[in-house]
Amino acid sequence: MGMFMSRSPLLFTALLGALVLTGCEDNDVVSYNNTGPEVEGEARKLALDQLNQDAELAKSLRQELAAKDPSVTDVYFKLDEQGERTVVVVRETADGQLETWEAPASALAQAEAQAEKEAGSQASAGSSILPIMGGLLAGYMLANAFSNQAGRMAQTSREAHTRERAMQNSAYNSSVSNKARSQAQQRSTLNRTRGGSFSSSGTRSSGYSSGS
């Protein structure tokens, strides 16, 4: 099930491809210069796969939460103050403002670990953890989002929220790109040591922090 942006997958992928290649602002996204074509291509693929999975998970979660609470308007990923990957739920208040609730990073990590465990126990190889993880997160959010002050942010205008979301999105995309580049370089080094070449396996959701 899904979480992160409501854009269509094709448009999202196209926009992200441009982001990875050119960047929006200085240091927003890691540069792929001075790396071999295999590393560059693998890093770009890893980043795109992760962010597309995030988009799928975000969209599905938003739809599921909105079915229970129509005031929910958005769900997206961000990095918390410790640089850990987490989830934000947004809803509209009666006076037209927006308020957010940020799930603890530990809740996201636990849902991912449990989903991987359950997917691994299934008979079919390569079972996706996204539907399992989405169900776990939806249940957690329905039970906890906006029910207490922990993780709940002050109400803001749409304009202020849009600016904050764009900033958080940029930081998160940069984190994913940096992590992907590091993974691609590690794989390249390992493959050279073994005398092989890249052999990409199916990407699963993984807990990105502020990888550098």
Protein backbone atom coordinates (compact mmCIF):
# COMPACT_ATOMS: atom_id res chain seq x y z
CA MET A 1 0.00 0.00 0.00
CA GLY A 2 1.39 3.44 -0.39
CA MET A 3 2.63 6.67 0.90
CA PHE A 4 4.45 9.80 -0.47
CA MET A 5 3.11 11.87 -3.36
CA SER A 6 -0.11 12.10 -5.28
CA ARG A 7 1.54 12.76 -8.65
CA SER A 8 1.22 10.16 -11.37
CA PRO A 9 4.10 7.62 -11.36
CA LEU A 10 5.29 8.56 -14.85
CA LEU A 11 5.36 12.28 -14.11
CA PHE A 12 7.05 11.65 -10.79
CA THR A 13 9.73 9.51 -12.40
CA ALA A 14 10.37 12.09 -15.10
CA LEU A 15 10.66 14.91 -12.59
CA LEU A 16 12.94 12.88 -10.36
CA GLY A 17 15.14 11.96 -13.28
CA ALA A 18 15.67 15.64 -13.96
CA LEU A 19 16.30 16.26 -10.28
CA VAL A 20 18.97 13.58 -10.06
CA LEU A 21 20.68 14.83 -13.20
CA THR A 22 20.63 18.57 -12.52
CA GLY A 23 19.54 19.26 -8.95
CA CYS A 24 17.22 22.05 -7.79
CA GLU A 25 19.57 23.95 -5.52
CA ASP A 26 23.22 23.71 -4.56
CA ASN A 27 23.92 20.47 -2.68
CA ASP A 28 20.28 19.36 -2.86
CA VAL A 29 21.10 16.18 -4.73
CA VAL A 30 24.34 14.28 -4.95
CA SER A 31 26.35 14.73 -8.15
CA TYR A 32 27.10 11.64 -10.20
CA ASN A 33 30.15 13.23 -11.83
CA ASN A 34 33.48 11.46 -11.61
CA THR A 35 31.90 8.02 -11.40
CA GLY A 36 31.86 5.32 -14.03
CA PRO A 37 28.75 4.79 -16.15
CA GLU A 38 27.85 1.59 -14.30
CA VAL A 39 27.96 3.31 -10.90
CA GLU A 40 26.07 6.31 -12.24
CA GLY A 41 23.34 4.16 -13.77
CA GLU A 42 23.03 1.89 -10.75
CA ALA A 43 22.82 4.84 -8.33
CA ARG A 44 20.15 6.53 -10.42
CA LYS A 45 18.15 3.30 -10.61
CA LEU A 46 18.36 2.68 -6.86
CA ALA A 47 17.20 6.24 -6.08
CA LEU A 48 14.34 6.14 -8.57
CA ASP A 49 13.19 2.73 -7.37
CA GLN A 50 13.16 3.86 -3.74
CA LEU A 51 11.32 7.12 -4.39
CA ASN A 52 8.77 5.45 -6.66
CA GLN A 53 8.09 2.92 -3.92
CA ASP A 54 7.71 5.77 -1.47
CA ALA A 55 5.25 7.45 -3.81
CA GLU A 56 3.22 4.26 -4.13
CA LEU A 57 3.15 3.71 -0.39
CA ALA A 58 2.24 7.34 0.35
CA LYS A 59 -0.61 7.41 -2.14
CA SER A 60 -2.12 4.19 -0.82
CA LEU A 61 -1.81 5.30 2.80
CA ARG A 62 -3.40 8.67 2.07
CA GLN A 63 -6.35 6.99 0.40
CA GLU A 64 -6.80 4.52 3.24
CA LEU A 65 -6.58 7.18 5.94
CA ALA A 66 -8.87 9.57 4.07
CA ALA A 67 -11.49 6.83 3.84
CA LYS A 68 -11.61 6.83 7.66
CA ASP A 69 -10.96 10.54 8.15
CA PRO A 70 -11.86 12.75 5.13
CA SER A 71 -9.90 15.66 6.61
CA VAL A 72 -6.63 13.82 5.77
CA THR A 73 -5.23 15.45 2.64
CA ASP A 74 -1.64 14.20 2.33
CA VAL A 75 0.96 11.70 3.53
CA TYR A 76 4.66 12.04 2.81
CA PHE A 77 8.13 10.95 3.89
CA LYS A 78 10.69 13.20 5.54
CA LEU A 79 13.79 13.06 7.73
CA ASP A 80 13.27 13.79 11.42
CA GLU A 81 15.58 15.93 13.53
CA GLN A 82 17.97 12.99 13.92
CA GLY A 83 18.09 12.43 10.17
CA GLU A 84 15.94 9.30 10.37
CA ARG A 85 13.26 8.44 7.80
CA THR A 86 9.71 8.93 9.00
CA VAL A 87 6.15 9.69 7.86
CA VAL A 88 3.96 12.78 8.10
CA VAL A 89 0.16 12.87 7.92
CA VAL A 90 -1.54 16.14 6.95
CA ARG A 91 -5.15 17.08 7.53
CA GLU A 92 -7.31 20.15 7.02
CA THR A 93 -8.93 21.78 10.05
CA ALA A 94 -12.42 23.27 10.17
CA ASP A 95 -11.06 26.78 9.61
CA GLY A 96 -9.16 25.78 6.45
CA GLN A 97 -5.69 25.57 7.96
CA LEU A 98 -3.45 22.50 7.86
CA GLU A 99 -1.97 20.54 10.72
CA THR A 100 0.54 17.70 10.61
CA TRP A 101 1.38 14.66 12.69
CA GLU A 102 4.81 13.05 12.46
CA ALA A 103 5.09 9.35 13.25
CA PRO A 104 8.14 8.31 15.28
CA ALA A 105 10.93 6.99 13.08
CA SER A 106 10.91 3.87 15.25
CA ALA A 107 7.32 3.11 14.19
CA LEU A 108 8.29 3.20 10.51
CA ALA A 109 11.36 1.03 11.13
CA GLN A 110 9.32 -1.50 13.12
CA ALA A 111 6.63 -1.69 10.43
CA GLU A 112 9.29 -2.25 7.78
CA ALA A 113 11.04 -4.96 9.78
CA GLN A 114 7.76 -6.75 10.45
CA ALA A 115 6.74 -6.49 6.78
CA GLU A 116 10.07 -7.95 5.67
CA LYS A 117 9.64 -10.82 8.12
CA GLU A 118 6.12 -11.58 6.92
CA ALA A 119 7.04 -11.25 3.24
CA GLY A 120 10.01 -13.57 3.76
CA SER A 121 7.74 -16.25 5.18
CA GLN A 122 5.51 -16.25 2.10
CA ALA A 123 5.91 -19.00 -0.48
CA SER A 124 6.45 -16.81 -3.55
CA ALA A 125 9.96 -15.48 -3.95
CA GLY A 126 10.34 -11.72 -4.19
CA SER A 127 7.03 -10.93 -2.49
CA SER A 128 6.72 -7.18 -2.08
CA ILE A 129 6.71 -5.81 1.44
CA LEU A 130 4.76 -2.70 0.41
CA PRO A 131 1.21 -4.07 0.89
CA ILE A 132 2.15 -5.56 4.27
CA MET A 133 3.99 -2.46 5.39
CA GLY A 134 1.15 -0.22 4.23
CA GLY A 135 -1.38 -2.19 6.25
CA LEU A 136 0.77 -2.04 9.37
CA LEU A 137 1.36 1.71 9.02
CA ALA A 138 -2.28 2.47 8.28
CA GLY A 139 -3.36 0.67 11.43
CA TYR A 140 -0.74 2.48 13.50
CA MET A 141 -1.69 5.89 12.12
CA LEU A 142 -5.41 5.37 12.56
CA ALA A 143 -4.79 4.49 16.20
CA ASN A 144 -2.31 7.28 16.94
CA ALA A 145 -2.40 10.18 14.48
CA PHE A 146 -3.73 13.39 16.06
CA SER A 147 -4.87 11.48 19.16
CA ASN A 148 -2.21 13.09 21.36
CA GLN A 149 0.25 15.97 21.29
CA ALA A 150 3.35 13.85 20.64
CA GLY A 151 4.38 14.48 17.03
CA ARG A 152 1.53 16.92 16.45
CA MET A 153 2.50 20.23 14.88
CA ALA A 154 0.85 23.64 15.18
CA GLN A 155 -1.68 24.62 12.55
CA THR A 156 -0.30 26.56 9.60
CA SER A 157 -1.58 28.22 6.45
CA ARG A 158 -1.48 26.38 3.15
CA GLU A 159 1.28 28.66 1.92
CA ALA A 160 3.49 27.99 4.94
CA HIS A 161 2.82 24.26 4.70
CA THR A 162 3.67 24.20 0.99
CA ARG A 163 7.04 25.86 1.69
CA GLU A 164 7.81 23.47 4.54
CA ARG A 165 6.81 20.41 2.54
CA ALA A 166 8.98 21.46 -0.41
CA MET A 167 11.97 21.93 1.89
CA GLN A 168 11.44 18.55 3.55
CA ASN A 169 10.95 16.88 0.17
CA SER A 170 14.21 18.32 -1.14
CA ALA A 171 16.13 17.12 1.92
CA TYR A 172 14.59 13.66 1.70
CA ASN A 173 15.30 13.27 -2.03
CA SER A 174 18.88 14.34 -1.42
CA SER A 175 19.21 11.73 1.34
CA VAL A 176 17.88 8.96 -0.90
CA SER A 177 20.22 9.99 -3.74
CA ASN A 178 23.25 10.07 -1.46
CA LYS A 179 22.41 6.68 -0.01
CA ALA A 180 21.91 5.23 -3.49
CA ARG A 181 25.27 6.53 -4.66
CA SER A 182 27.00 5.04 -1.64
CA GLN A 183 25.34 1.67 -2.24
CA ALA A 184 26.24 1.72 -5.94
CA GLN A 185 29.87 2.53 -5.21
CA GLN A 186 30.06 -0.26 -2.62
CA ARG A 187 28.59 -2.74 -5.08
CA SER A 188 31.03 -1.61 -7.75
CA THR A 189 33.99 -2.09 -5.43
CA LEU A 190 32.76 -5.53 -4.38
CA ASN A 191 32.16 -6.60 -7.98
CA ARG A 192 35.60 -5.44 -9.07
CA THR A 193 37.11 -7.42 -6.21
CA ARG A 194 35.19 -10.49 -7.32
CA GLY A 195 35.87 -9.85 -10.98
CA GLY A 196 32.19 -9.53 -11.83
CA SER A 197 29.81 -6.81 -12.95
CA PHE A 198 26.64 -5.20 -11.66
CA SER A 199 23.78 -7.59 -11.11
CA SER A 200 20.83 -5.55 -9.92
CA SER A 201 18.34 -7.28 -7.72
CA GLY A 202 14.81 -6.15 -6.97
CA THR A 203 14.82 -3.06 -4.78
CA ARG A 204 12.80 -3.20 -1.62
CA SER A 205 11.85 -0.36 0.66
CA SER A 206 14.72 0.42 2.99
CA GLY A 207 15.11 2.77 5.90
CA TYR A 208 17.07 5.65 4.48
CA SER A 209 18.54 8.11 6.91
CA SER A 210 20.58 11.13 5.98
CA GLY A 211 23.04 8.95 4.10
CA SER A 212 26.26 10.64 3.13
